[in-house]
């Protein structure tokens, strides 16, 4: 699963990620294009048990191959609408997308 964080108001999505990480076989990728990722931001999500199963990306998604191994992307409704308006090409290569409204 990939969790996309556009701005601090998207951090409510971490609650979904916490539930996803309950299963020990699940891995999580957190992507923030604005470098908002730090240990304090995700302190409730990233703990010693989960840390090896969480990958953090702070650069733009430019390669479609980065998406092919994912089964689910979780994104806020606000950011989804923003991406649609920009007609971002990589959206058409995404797996299942869960769009969550706060």
Protein backbone atom coordinates (compact mmCIF):
# COMPACT_ATOMS: atom_id res chain seq x y z
CA UNK A 1 0.00 0.00 0.00
CA UNK A 2 1.12 3.53 -0.72
CA UNK A 3 -0.03 6.41 1.44
CA UNK A 4 0.20 9.80 -0.30
CA UNK A 5 0.57 12.86 1.92
CA UNK A 6 0.28 16.19 0.13
CA UNK A 7 0.07 18.47 3.16
CA UNK A 8 -0.32 18.21 6.94
CA UNK A 9 -4.11 18.03 6.69
CA UNK A 10 -3.68 14.66 4.91
CA UNK A 11 -2.14 13.09 7.99
CA UNK A 12 -5.55 11.71 8.99
CA UNK A 13 -4.81 9.01 6.40
CA UNK A 14 -2.27 7.56 8.83
CA UNK A 15 -5.18 6.00 10.75
CA UNK A 16 -5.90 3.82 7.73
CA UNK A 17 -2.23 2.92 7.42
CA UNK A 18 -2.11 1.86 11.09
CA UNK A 19 -4.92 -0.62 10.49
CA UNK A 20 -3.17 -1.91 7.40
CA UNK A 21 0.07 -2.54 9.32
CA UNK A 22 -1.68 -4.73 11.89
CA UNK A 23 -1.10 -7.64 9.52
CA UNK A 24 2.58 -8.50 9.76
CA UNK A 25 2.89 -9.38 6.04
CA UNK A 26 1.88 -5.89 4.87
CA UNK A 27 4.33 -3.26 3.71
CA UNK A 28 3.68 0.47 3.46
CA UNK A 29 5.19 3.15 1.26
CA UNK A 30 4.65 6.74 2.36
CA UNK A 31 5.09 9.38 -0.32
CA UNK A 32 5.28 13.10 0.33
CA UNK A 33 6.31 15.36 -2.50
CA UNK A 34 6.82 18.33 -0.21
CA UNK A 35 9.32 16.68 2.15
CA UNK A 36 6.90 16.68 5.08
CA UNK A 37 8.11 13.29 6.28
CA UNK A 38 9.99 13.16 9.53
CA UNK A 39 10.05 10.89 12.53
CA UNK A 40 7.86 13.23 14.59
CA UNK A 41 5.16 13.50 11.92
CA UNK A 42 4.66 9.75 11.78
CA UNK A 43 5.54 8.92 15.39
CA UNK A 44 2.24 7.10 15.96
CA UNK A 45 2.70 5.05 12.80
CA UNK A 46 6.41 4.29 12.64
CA UNK A 47 7.52 2.31 15.65
CA UNK A 48 10.32 -0.22 16.09
CA UNK A 49 8.05 -3.10 15.07
CA UNK A 50 6.73 -1.39 11.92
CA UNK A 51 9.87 0.48 10.85
CA UNK A 52 11.32 -2.34 8.67
CA UNK A 53 8.01 -2.57 6.78
CA UNK A 54 7.73 1.15 5.99
CA UNK A 55 9.48 2.84 3.10
CA UNK A 56 9.46 6.63 2.82
CA UNK A 57 9.74 8.44 -0.52
CA UNK A 58 10.24 12.18 -0.74
CA UNK A 59 10.62 12.66 -4.48
CA UNK A 60 8.13 12.95 -7.31
CA UNK A 61 6.64 9.80 -8.79
CA UNK A 62 8.06 9.82 -12.29
CA UNK A 63 8.46 6.16 -13.06
CA UNK A 64 5.43 3.96 -13.57
CA UNK A 65 7.47 0.98 -12.37
CA UNK A 66 7.32 2.44 -8.86
CA UNK A 67 3.57 1.80 -8.92
CA UNK A 68 3.44 -1.67 -10.44
CA UNK A 69 4.17 -3.58 -7.23
CA UNK A 70 1.50 -1.77 -5.25
CA UNK A 71 -1.98 -3.13 -4.67
CA UNK A 72 -3.54 -0.01 -3.17
CA UNK A 73 -2.94 3.73 -3.03
CA UNK A 74 -4.62 5.80 -0.30
CA UNK A 75 -5.09 9.49 -1.04
CA UNK A 76 -7.19 12.38 0.26
CA UNK A 77 -10.10 13.63 -1.81
CA UNK A 78 -8.61 17.12 -1.89
CA UNK A 79 -5.30 15.91 -3.34
CA UNK A 80 -7.09 13.56 -5.75
CA UNK A 81 -9.06 16.49 -7.15
CA UNK A 82 -5.88 18.52 -7.47
CA UNK A 83 -4.14 15.72 -9.41
CA UNK A 84 -7.14 15.28 -11.71
CA UNK A 85 -7.14 18.98 -12.58
CA UNK A 86 -3.43 18.76 -13.38
CA UNK A 87 -4.11 15.69 -15.56
CA UNK A 88 -1.22 13.81 -13.98
CA UNK A 89 -0.27 10.98 -16.31
CA UNK A 90 0.81 8.45 -13.68
CA UNK A 91 -2.76 8.25 -12.32
CA UNK A 92 -3.74 6.04 -15.24
CA UNK A 93 -1.07 3.51 -14.18
CA UNK A 94 -2.20 3.28 -10.57
CA UNK A 95 -3.60 0.15 -9.02
CA UNK A 96 -6.70 0.45 -6.88
CA UNK A 97 -7.06 3.87 -5.31
CA UNK A 98 -8.89 4.57 -2.06
CA UNK A 99 -9.95 8.21 -2.01
CA UNK A 100 -10.79 9.37 1.50
CA UNK A 101 -12.65 12.51 2.44
CA UNK A 102 -11.87 13.92 5.87
